[in-house]
Amino acid sequence: MESSSSVTGTAAPAAARKGPNGLVGLARFGANPLRFLDALRGDERDIVPFKLGTLRCHLVAAPHLVRAVLESKEWPPLSRGRLSSLARWYSGGLILTEGTWHGFQRRTLWQPVVGQPSIMDVTGLRAARCAGSWEDGATIDAFEELRTLVRTIDWQILTGDDLDARPDLLRAHERGISALAWLLGPFGDSRWGWPLPSSARARSARAVIDTEINRLIDERRGNPKSFGDLLAWFVDRLDTDVAEGDELICATVKQWLGADQLHSALTWALHLVATHPQVEARWHAELDLALGGRIPSPRDADLLPYTRHVLLEAMRLYPPIWGFFRQLTGEWRLGDTTLGAGDVIALSPWFTHRDERLWPDPLRFDPDRWRDGAAQPPPISYFPYSAGPYGCPAHELSPRQGVLVLATLGRSWSFKPADEREPTPLATGVIEPKGGLRMTLARRN
């Protein structure tokens, strides 16, 4: 494939376009959310209104207003909105709560564990195992391989078990993740109980996952300190006096599995490196100099700046989560605009990360944007992990894991596109390459 200095995408049109009516907007958004968002780029207002059916929506474009929404503690009138339907899969947990209960879970369950050394240890071991399983000259679907890798990392971190030995659990988990997309759509909450094959698969998958997690909880209930995994830590932390104890632990485990979208960032990082030979050469040079042929260790995650810049830039162009949403339960003033009850606020890393008003040559893949001393756009022009009191608790852990995985894979392998066509980004629960991403492996050393 011919190398290019920029990424295929939709640049901002010269003039603002008239937004579609509600039904047309809903159809266009449903068909391709990323293309729909790109079509709004010509509107230079700080808040861009649009309609999805009868739903009044507002895309927040100005970084200072994005920051105001993400850092706001005014819950209500800000609320989770449609996210409440995800209770069909999760039955509670961090992403479905707000206020005091949300803060309790962050402080008690999430923040204390994201710094556990075992997380990086397992990440490095699983990544090395994955790299060692490949064959020179083989063609892989990088998205599928990396998704499975991240799921097995998470499961071992959480339970100490090897998910490779339980394909039924991996299959059930992926069916659950697929269900999250339609649960957020129209009639999602009702659809859970409908006699549809997709609904039946989701209900069955939840039963499989919940049964296994509850079995593991029961094993640890009597003596959690004899286990070395995070599930045991949760059990020890939440004694039987805590309301919804076991249910909360189960929801937390499933949300850890469901919210980890590192595989998307890793997939696009490998694609971008593979199609930009100069970046690839610099990346390999850093790995060779820093590692000297040895397998990376967790401490190397902090000693490979160019690898980190590659990952950060990949998440700028292809943020794992393409949109965050808030629904209003009452009137709320944002900047000079008063938004009404029932309105939806849309915050899109895909839109903001590619905004030419904030990022020079925004479609260009340039890891040097992140070097020390480089000019930076306004705060919250980059928010792949959201931000503020409802941001991802693993926003520091996840990039360190990503650097370690990239270093482990890149030490041994170079990746070449197996298809001439540029992959099409598809907005599902993450931004993924439509139809996967086929890459050919070439052994480096």
Protein backbone atom coordinates (compact mmCIF):
# COMPACT_ATOMS: atom_id res chain seq x y z
CA MET A 1 0.00 0.00 0.00
CA GLU A 2 1.31 3.45 -0.88
CA SER A 3 2.22 5.49 2.18
CA SER A 4 0.36 8.71 2.86
CA SER A 5 1.03 11.50 5.32
CA SER A 6 -2.61 11.90 6.16
CA VAL A 7 -5.57 9.75 7.11
CA THR A 8 -8.61 9.21 4.93
CA GLY A 9 -11.48 11.24 6.33
CA THR A 10 -13.94 14.03 5.71
CA ALA A 11 -12.54 17.54 5.90
CA ALA A 12 -14.73 20.41 6.99
CA PRO A 13 -16.81 21.86 4.16
CA ALA A 14 -16.32 25.52 3.32
CA ALA A 15 -19.75 26.63 4.41
CA ALA A 16 -22.28 25.50 6.93
CA ARG A 17 -24.87 23.01 5.74
CA LYS A 18 -28.49 23.15 6.67
CA GLY A 19 -29.17 20.34 9.11
CA PRO A 20 -31.60 17.59 8.10
CA ASN A 21 -35.06 17.32 9.60
CA GLY A 22 -35.58 14.94 12.49
CA LEU A 23 -36.57 11.80 10.61
CA VAL A 24 -33.89 12.26 7.95
CA GLY A 25 -31.36 13.02 10.67
CA LEU A 26 -32.30 9.89 12.58
CA ALA A 27 -31.92 7.76 9.44
CA ARG A 28 -28.56 9.30 8.56
CA PHE A 29 -27.25 9.06 12.08
CA GLY A 30 -28.34 5.45 12.38
CA ALA A 31 -26.72 4.54 9.07
CA ASN A 32 -23.36 6.19 9.79
CA PRO A 33 -22.86 8.30 12.94
CA LEU A 34 -19.34 9.36 11.93
CA ARG A 35 -20.44 10.63 8.53
CA PHE A 36 -23.36 12.41 10.19
CA LEU A 37 -20.98 14.18 12.58
CA ASP A 38 -18.60 15.09 9.76
CA ALA A 39 -21.51 16.73 7.92
CA LEU A 40 -21.90 19.16 10.85
CA ARG A 41 -18.36 20.50 10.55
CA GLY A 42 -19.32 23.46 8.38
CA ASP A 43 -21.41 24.93 11.18
CA GLU A 44 -19.06 27.17 13.15
CA ARG A 45 -21.30 27.72 16.16
CA ASP A 46 -20.04 26.67 19.59
CA ILE A 47 -23.13 24.49 20.01
CA VAL A 48 -24.56 22.87 16.87
CA PRO A 49 -28.23 21.88 17.11
CA PHE A 50 -29.65 18.89 15.29
CA LYS A 51 -32.62 16.56 15.62
CA LEU A 52 -32.89 12.78 15.71
CA GLY A 53 -36.55 12.07 15.18
CA THR A 54 -38.30 14.19 17.80
CA LEU A 55 -35.21 14.32 20.03
CA ARG A 56 -33.54 17.73 20.26
CA CYS A 57 -29.76 17.33 20.34
CA HIS A 58 -26.85 19.72 20.69
CA LEU A 59 -23.31 18.91 19.57
CA VAL A 60 -20.89 20.85 21.76
CA ALA A 61 -18.01 21.97 19.54
CA ALA A 62 -16.15 24.60 21.58
CA PRO A 63 -13.56 23.05 23.94
CA HIS A 64 -14.38 25.38 26.84
CA LEU A 65 -18.01 24.25 26.67
CA VAL A 66 -17.02 20.59 26.33
CA ARG A 67 -15.03 21.09 29.49
CA ALA A 68 -17.96 22.77 31.22
CA VAL A 69 -20.19 19.76 30.51
CA LEU A 70 -17.65 17.07 31.41
CA GLU A 71 -16.53 18.73 34.62
CA SER A 72 -20.00 19.73 35.77
CA LYS A 73 -21.33 18.25 38.99
CA GLU A 74 -24.87 19.45 38.28
CA TRP A 75 -26.45 15.97 38.20
CA PRO A 76 -29.40 16.62 37.82
CA PRO A 77 -30.32 18.28 35.51
CA LEU A 78 -27.56 16.39 33.68
CA SER A 79 -28.34 12.69 33.59
CA ARG A 80 -27.35 9.40 31.96
CA GLY A 81 -30.41 9.40 29.71
CA ARG A 82 -30.53 6.33 27.49
CA LEU A 83 -27.61 4.74 29.32
CA SER A 84 -30.14 3.60 31.91
CA SER A 85 -31.27 0.89 29.48
CA LEU A 86 -27.84 -0.75 29.84
CA ALA A 87 -29.07 -1.98 33.22
CA ARG A 88 -30.51 -4.90 31.26
CA TRP A 89 -26.94 -6.16 30.89
CA TYR A 90 -25.15 -4.58 33.85
CA SER A 91 -27.83 -4.31 36.59
CA GLY A 92 -26.11 -1.30 38.13
CA GLY A 93 -22.50 -0.32 38.52
CA LEU A 94 -20.50 2.84 37.96
CA ILE A 95 -21.67 3.94 34.51
CA LEU A 96 -25.34 3.75 35.48
CA THR A 97 -25.09 5.83 38.63
CA GLU A 98 -24.53 9.45 39.55
CA GLY A 99 -23.97 11.64 42.57
CA THR A 100 -23.04 10.14 45.92
CA TRP A 101 -23.44 6.50 44.87
CA HIS A 102 -21.28 7.08 41.80
CA GLY A 103 -18.61 8.74 43.92
CA PHE A 104 -18.67 5.86 46.41
CA GLN A 105 -18.01 3.31 43.68
CA ARG A 106 -15.18 5.33 42.19
CA ARG A 107 -13.47 5.76 45.56
CA THR A 108 -14.16 2.27 46.88
CA LEU A 109 -13.93 -0.06 43.89
CA TRP A 110 -12.21 1.61 40.96
CA GLN A 111 -9.61 4.15 41.99
CA PRO A 112 -7.83 1.89 44.52
CA VAL A 113 -7.34 -0.96 42.04
CA VAL A 114 -6.28 0.71 38.78
CA GLY A 115 -2.77 1.14 40.17
CA GLN A 116 -2.33 -2.49 41.21
CA PRO A 117 1.03 -3.80 39.86
CA SER A 118 -0.57 -7.10 38.87
CA ILE A 119 -2.48 -5.34 36.09
CA MET A 120 0.67 -4.40 34.19
CA ASP A 121 2.31 -7.74 34.97
CA VAL A 122 -0.59 -9.66 33.43
CA THR A 123 -0.74 -7.25 30.49
CA GLY A 124 2.91 -7.88 29.64
CA LEU A 125 2.66 -11.64 30.03
CA ARG A 126 -0.46 -11.97 27.89
CA ALA A 127 0.94 -9.67 25.19
CA ALA A 128 4.15 -11.74 25.04
CA ARG A 129 2.09 -14.91 24.82
CA CYS A 130 0.07 -13.45 21.94
CA ALA A 131 3.19 -12.32 20.07
CA GLY A 132 4.73 -15.75 20.54
CA SER A 133 1.71 -17.50 19.05
CA TRP A 134 1.97 -15.88 15.63
CA GLU A 135 3.82 -17.27 12.61
CA ASP A 136 6.02 -15.41 10.15
CA GLY A 137 4.13 -14.54 6.97
CA ALA A 138 0.72 -15.27 8.48
CA THR A 139 -2.23 -12.97 7.86
CA ILE A 140 -4.32 -12.06 10.88
CA ASP A 141 -7.39 -9.97 11.58
CA ALA A 142 -5.67 -7.49 13.87
CA PHE A 143 -8.94 -6.21 15.32
CA GLU A 144 -10.11 -9.69 16.32
CA GLU A 145 -6.69 -10.71 17.65
CA LEU A 146 -6.32 -7.59 19.76
CA ARG A 147 -9.89 -7.70 21.02
CA THR A 148 -9.35 -11.26 22.22
CA LEU A 149 -6.01 -10.28 23.74
CA VAL A 150 -7.54 -7.40 25.72
CA ARG A 151 -10.44 -9.56 26.90
CA THR A 152 -8.08 -12.30 28.13
CA ILE A 153 -5.92 -9.71 29.89
CA ASP A 154 -8.94 -8.29 31.68
CA TRP A 155 -10.36 -11.68 32.66
CA GLN A 156 -7.06 -12.83 34.12
CA ILE A 157 -6.62 -9.55 36.00
CA LEU A 158 -10.11 -9.84 37.42
CA THR A 159 -10.38 -13.56 38.15
CA GLY A 160 -6.92 -15.07 37.80
CA ASP A 161 -8.30 -17.49 35.20
CA ASP A 162 -7.39 -18.06 31.56
CA LEU A 163 -10.23 -17.02 29.27
CA ASP A 164 -8.64 -19.00 26.42
CA ALA A 165 -9.90 -22.10 28.21
CA ARG A 166 -13.47 -20.75 28.29
CA PRO A 167 -14.57 -19.84 24.76
CA ASP A 168 -18.16 -19.97 25.97
CA LEU A 169 -17.49 -17.03 28.31
CA LEU A 170 -15.70 -15.05 25.60
CA ARG A 171 -18.59 -15.67 23.21
CA ALA A 172 -21.14 -14.68 25.85
CA HIS A 173 -19.24 -11.51 26.62
CA GLU A 174 -19.07 -10.47 22.96
CA ARG A 175 -22.79 -11.09 22.58
CA GLY A 176 -23.39 -8.86 25.56
CA ILE A 177 -21.24 -6.10 24.11
CA SER A 178 -23.19 -6.37 20.85
CA ALA A 179 -26.42 -6.01 22.80
CA LEU A 180 -25.26 -2.75 24.38
CA ALA A 181 -25.46 -1.03 20.97
CA TRP A 182 -29.12 -1.84 20.37
CA LEU A 183 -30.03 -1.30 24.02
CA LEU A 184 -29.10 2.35 23.52
CA GLY A 185 -31.32 2.64 20.47
CA PRO A 186 -35.06 3.23 20.17
CA PHE A 187 -37.11 0.65 22.10
CA GLY A 188 -33.85 -0.87 23.41
CA ASP A 189 -35.13 -1.45 26.91
CA SER A 190 -38.29 -3.12 25.63
CA ARG A 191 -36.43 -5.08 22.96
CA TRP A 192 -34.57 -6.98 25.67
CA GLY A 193 -37.71 -9.00 26.35
CA TRP A 194 -38.90 -9.40 22.78
CA PRO A 195 -38.91 -12.88 21.14
CA LEU A 196 -36.08 -11.93 18.76
CA PRO A 197 -32.97 -14.09 18.20
CA SER A 198 -30.68 -11.20 19.17
CA SER A 199 -32.62 -10.58 22.38
CA ALA A 200 -32.65 -14.27 23.28
CA ARG A 201 -28.89 -14.51 22.67
CA ALA A 202 -28.29 -11.50 24.90
CA ARG A 203 -30.41 -12.89 27.73
CA SER A 204 -28.68 -16.25 27.48
CA ALA A 205 -25.26 -14.60 27.41
CA ARG A 206 -26.05 -12.62 30.55
CA ALA A 207 -27.08 -15.79 32.34
CA VAL A 208 -23.79 -17.47 31.39
CA ILE A 209 -21.64 -14.52 32.49
CA ASP A 210 -23.56 -13.83 35.71
CA THR A 211 -23.55 -17.49 36.74
CA GLU A 212 -19.77 -17.71 36.33
CA ILE A 213 -19.01 -14.44 38.11
CA ASN A 214 -21.30 -15.32 41.02
CA ARG A 215 -19.64 -18.73 41.29
CA LEU A 216 -16.25 -17.04 41.51
CA ILE A 217 -17.58 -14.58 44.10
CA ASP A 218 -18.84 -17.47 46.23
CA GLU A 219 -15.40 -19.13 46.05
CA ARG A 220 -13.79 -15.99 47.43
CA ARG A 221 -16.41 -15.09 50.02
CA GLY A 222 -14.96 -17.15 52.83
CA ASN A 223 -11.30 -16.24 52.44
CA PRO A 224 -10.73 -13.60 49.74
CA LYS A 225 -7.15 -12.88 50.81
CA SER A 226 -6.11 -16.35 49.65
CA PHE A 227 -6.79 -15.25 46.06
CA GLY A 228 -4.58 -12.76 44.24
CA ASP A 229 -7.04 -11.29 41.76
CA LEU A 230 -9.13 -8.13 41.67
CA LEU A 231 -12.38 -10.01 42.17
CA ALA A 232 -11.12 -11.18 45.54
CA TRP A 233 -10.16 -7.59 46.34
CA PHE A 234 -13.70 -6.45 45.51
CA VAL A 235 -15.21 -9.18 47.69
CA ASP A 236 -12.95 -8.25 50.58
CA ARG A 237 -13.73 -4.56 50.11
CA LEU A 238 -17.50 -4.95 49.97
CA ASP A 239 -18.66 -6.83 53.03
CA THR A 240 -22.21 -8.12 53.32
CA ASP A 241 -23.38 -4.87 54.93
CA VAL A 242 -22.94 -2.95 51.68
CA ALA A 243 -26.21 -2.61 49.80
CA GLU A 244 -26.30 -4.64 46.59
CA GLY A 245 -22.91 -6.16 47.46
CA ASP A 246 -22.70 -9.20 45.18
CA GLU A 247 -24.77 -7.59 42.45
CA LEU A 248 -22.50 -4.55 42.50
CA ILE A 249 -19.38 -6.72 42.27
CA CYS A 250 -20.86 -8.61 39.33
CA ALA A 251 -21.77 -5.35 37.58
CA THR A 252 -18.30 -3.95 38.24
CA VAL A 253 -16.61 -6.98 36.70
CA LYS A 254 -18.82 -6.79 33.60
CA GLN A 255 -18.25 -3.05 33.25
CA TRP A 256 -14.49 -3.48 33.52
CA LEU A 257 -14.74 -5.99 30.66
CA GLY A 258 -17.17 -3.89 28.65
CA ALA A 259 -15.59 -0.48 29.12
CA ASP A 260 -12.05 -1.53 28.19
CA GLN A 261 -11.79 -0.47 24.55
CA LEU A 262 -7.99 -0.58 24.33
CA HIS A 263 -8.16 -3.06 21.45
CA SER A 264 -9.64 -0.36 19.20
CA ALA A 265 -6.78 2.05 19.91
CA LEU A 266 -4.18 -0.68 19.39
CA THR A 267 -5.73 -1.76 16.09
CA TRP A 268 -5.68 1.72 14.61
CA ALA A 269 -2.18 2.38 15.97
CA LEU A 270 -0.83 -0.68 14.15
CA HIS A 271 -2.66 0.30 10.97
CA LEU A 272 -1.32 3.85 11.05
CA VAL A 273 2.24 2.71 11.74
CA ALA A 274 2.02 0.15 8.95
CA THR A 275 0.96 2.78 6.41
CA HIS A 276 3.52 5.41 7.47
CA PRO A 277 7.00 3.92 6.96
CA GLN A 278 8.88 6.86 8.51
CA VAL A 279 6.87 6.56 11.71
CA GLU A 280 7.38 2.81 11.70
CA ALA A 281 11.15 3.22 11.34
CA ARG A 282 11.32 5.66 14.27
CA TRP A 283 9.12 3.42 16.37
CA HIS A 284 11.20 0.33 15.72
CA ALA A 285 14.40 2.30 16.37
CA GLU A 286 13.09 3.35 19.79
CA LEU A 287 12.13 -0.22 20.66
CA ASP A 288 15.49 -1.62 19.53
CA LEU A 289 17.49 0.99 21.42
CA ALA A 290 15.47 0.85 24.63
CA LEU A 291 14.90 -2.90 24.79
CA GLY A 292 18.04 -4.29 23.18
CA GLY A 293 16.14 -7.39 22.10
CA ARG A 294 14.64 -8.23 25.51
CA ILE A 295 10.95 -8.64 26.24
CA PRO A 296 9.46 -5.38 27.55
CA SER A 297 8.67 -5.12 31.25
CA PRO A 298 5.96 -2.96 32.87
CA ARG A 299 8.48 -0.24 33.72
CA ASP A 300 9.17 0.19 30.00
CA ALA A 301 5.69 1.67 29.60
CA ASP A 302 7.11 4.89 31.06
CA LEU A 303 10.38 4.79 29.10
CA LEU A 304 9.12 4.71 25.51
CA PRO A 305 7.94 8.24 24.67
CA TYR A 306 7.60 7.79 20.92
CA THR A 307 5.53 4.63 21.38
CA ARG A 308 3.26 6.61 23.69
CA HIS A 309 3.00 9.43 21.13
CA VAL A 310 1.99 6.91 18.46
CA LEU A 311 -0.79 5.62 20.70
CA LEU A 312 -2.00 9.10 21.69
CA GLU A 313 -2.12 10.17 18.05
CA ALA A 314 -3.98 7.02 17.04
CA MET A 315 -6.57 7.79 19.71
CA ARG A 316 -6.85 11.34 18.40
CA LEU A 317 -7.71 10.18 14.90
CA TYR A 318 -9.67 7.09 15.94
CA PRO A 319 -10.87 7.62 19.52
CA PRO A 320 -12.16 4.30 20.88
CA ILE A 321 -15.37 5.98 22.09
CA TRP A 322 -16.73 8.28 19.40
CA GLY A 323 -19.35 10.05 21.52
CA PHE A 324 -20.45 10.81 25.07
CA PHE A 325 -24.00 11.92 25.81
CA ARG A 326 -25.91 13.68 28.58
CA GLN A 327 -29.67 14.09 28.77
CA LEU A 328 -31.28 16.97 30.64
CA THR A 329 -34.03 16.49 33.19
CA GLY A 330 -34.58 20.25 33.39
CA GLU A 331 -33.39 23.50 31.84
CA TRP A 332 -29.62 24.04 31.92
CA ARG A 333 -27.52 26.96 30.73
CA LEU A 334 -24.38 26.17 28.74
CA GLY A 335 -22.43 29.25 27.74
CA ASP A 336 -24.95 31.69 26.30
CA THR A 337 -27.46 28.97 25.43
CA THR A 338 -30.28 27.63 27.57
CA LEU A 339 -31.03 24.01 26.80
CA GLY A 340 -34.40 22.47 27.57
CA ALA A 341 -35.59 19.50 29.60
CA GLY A 342 -35.35 16.31 27.57
CA ASP A 343 -32.63 17.69 25.30
CA VAL A 344 -29.50 15.62 24.66
CA ILE A 345 -25.98 17.04 24.81
CA ALA A 346 -23.55 15.30 22.48
CA LEU A 347 -19.78 15.43 23.05
CA SER A 348 -17.77 13.74 20.32
CA PRO A 349 -14.04 13.00 20.44
CA TRP A 350 -14.33 12.03 16.75
CA PHE A 351 -15.63 15.51 15.93
CA THR A 352 -13.37 17.50 18.24
CA HIS A 353 -10.16 15.54 17.63
CA ARG A 354 -10.47 16.22 13.88
CA ASP A 355 -11.54 19.87 14.14
CA GLU A 356 -9.28 22.00 11.94
CA ARG A 357 -9.93 24.99 14.17
CA LEU A 358 -8.12 23.16 16.99
CA TRP A 359 -5.65 20.85 15.24
CA PRO A 360 -3.43 21.96 12.34
CA ASP A 361 -3.81 19.57 9.40
CA PRO A 362 -6.14 17.44 11.55
CA LEU A 363 -6.26 14.37 9.29
CA ARG A 364 -2.48 14.03 9.27
CA PHE A 365 -1.05 11.21 11.41
CA ASP A 366 1.72 12.99 13.31
CA PRO A 367 2.94 11.49 16.61
CA ASP A 368 5.22 14.52 17.03
CA ARG A 369 2.17 16.55 18.01
CA TRP A 370 2.73 15.02 21.45
CA ARG A 371 6.44 15.67 21.89
CA ASP A 372 7.57 17.91 24.73
CA GLY A 373 7.38 21.55 23.70
CA ALA A 374 4.95 21.03 20.83
CA ALA A 375 2.07 23.49 20.60
CA GLN A 376 -1.08 22.12 22.18
CA PRO A 377 -4.72 23.02 21.51
CA PRO A 378 -7.02 24.31 24.26
CA PRO A 379 -7.77 22.00 27.23
CA ILE A 380 -10.33 19.29 26.52
CA SER A 381 -9.66 19.39 22.80
CA TYR A 382 -8.57 15.80 23.43
CA PHE A 383 -10.74 13.58 25.60
CA PRO A 384 -10.68 9.92 24.51
CA TYR A 385 -11.45 8.88 28.10
CA SER A 386 -13.99 11.62 28.78
CA ALA A 387 -13.03 13.81 31.77
CA GLY A 388 -14.24 15.21 35.06
CA PRO A 389 -16.09 13.38 37.85
CA TYR A 390 -17.64 10.92 35.37
CA GLY A 391 -14.53 10.29 33.30
CA CYS A 392 -12.91 6.88 32.92
CA PRO A 393 -11.17 5.85 36.16
CA ALA A 394 -8.50 4.05 34.08
CA HIS A 395 -7.50 7.09 32.01
CA GLU A 396 -3.88 6.81 33.23
CA LEU A 397 -3.68 3.02 33.35
CA SER A 398 -5.02 2.32 29.86
CA PRO A 399 -2.32 4.23 27.91
CA ARG A 400 0.39 2.52 29.96
CA GLN A 401 -1.11 -0.85 29.10
CA GLY A 402 -1.33 0.22 25.47
CA VAL A 403 2.33 1.22 25.32
CA LEU A 404 3.37 -2.09 26.89
CA VAL A 405 1.29 -4.11 24.41
CA LEU A 406 2.52 -2.13 21.40
CA ALA A 407 6.14 -2.48 22.53
CA THR A 408 5.76 -6.21 23.09
CA LEU A 409 4.20 -6.79 19.67
CA GLY A 410 6.45 -4.34 17.81
CA ARG A 411 9.63 -5.79 19.30
CA SER A 412 9.07 -9.03 17.37
CA TRP A 413 6.78 -8.14 14.50
CA SER A 414 6.24 -5.68 11.73
CA PHE A 415 2.70 -5.35 10.37
CA LYS A 416 1.80 -4.84 6.73
CA PRO A 417 -1.68 -4.19 5.30
CA ALA A 418 -3.06 -7.30 3.61
CA ASP A 419 -5.64 -5.26 1.68
CA GLU A 420 -5.08 -2.34 -0.67
CA ARG A 421 -8.25 -0.62 0.43
CA GLU A 422 -8.18 1.87 3.27
CA PRO A 423 -10.25 0.46 6.16
CA THR A 424 -13.59 2.14 6.76
CA PRO A 425 -14.13 3.29 10.35
CA LEU A 426 -17.41 1.99 11.74
CA ALA A 427 -19.08 3.46 14.82
CA THR A 428 -20.36 0.67 17.04
CA GLY A 429 -19.58 0.56 20.74
CA VAL A 430 -16.11 1.59 19.56
CA ILE A 431 -14.65 2.88 16.31
CA GLU A 432 -13.68 -0.31 14.56
CA PRO A 433 -12.56 -1.12 11.01
CA LYS A 434 -15.55 -2.34 9.02
CA GLY A 435 -15.07 -6.02 8.27
CA GLY A 436 -11.95 -6.23 10.45
CA LEU A 437 -8.36 -5.31 9.63
CA ARG A 438 -6.30 -7.94 7.83
CA MET A 439 -2.54 -7.55 8.33
CA THR A 440 0.41 -9.70 7.28
CA LEU A 441 3.11 -10.45 9.86
CA ALA A 442 6.83 -10.20 9.22
CA ARG A 443 9.22 -11.31 11.95
CA ARG A 444 11.72 -8.67 13.00
CA ASN A 445 14.08 -10.61 15.28
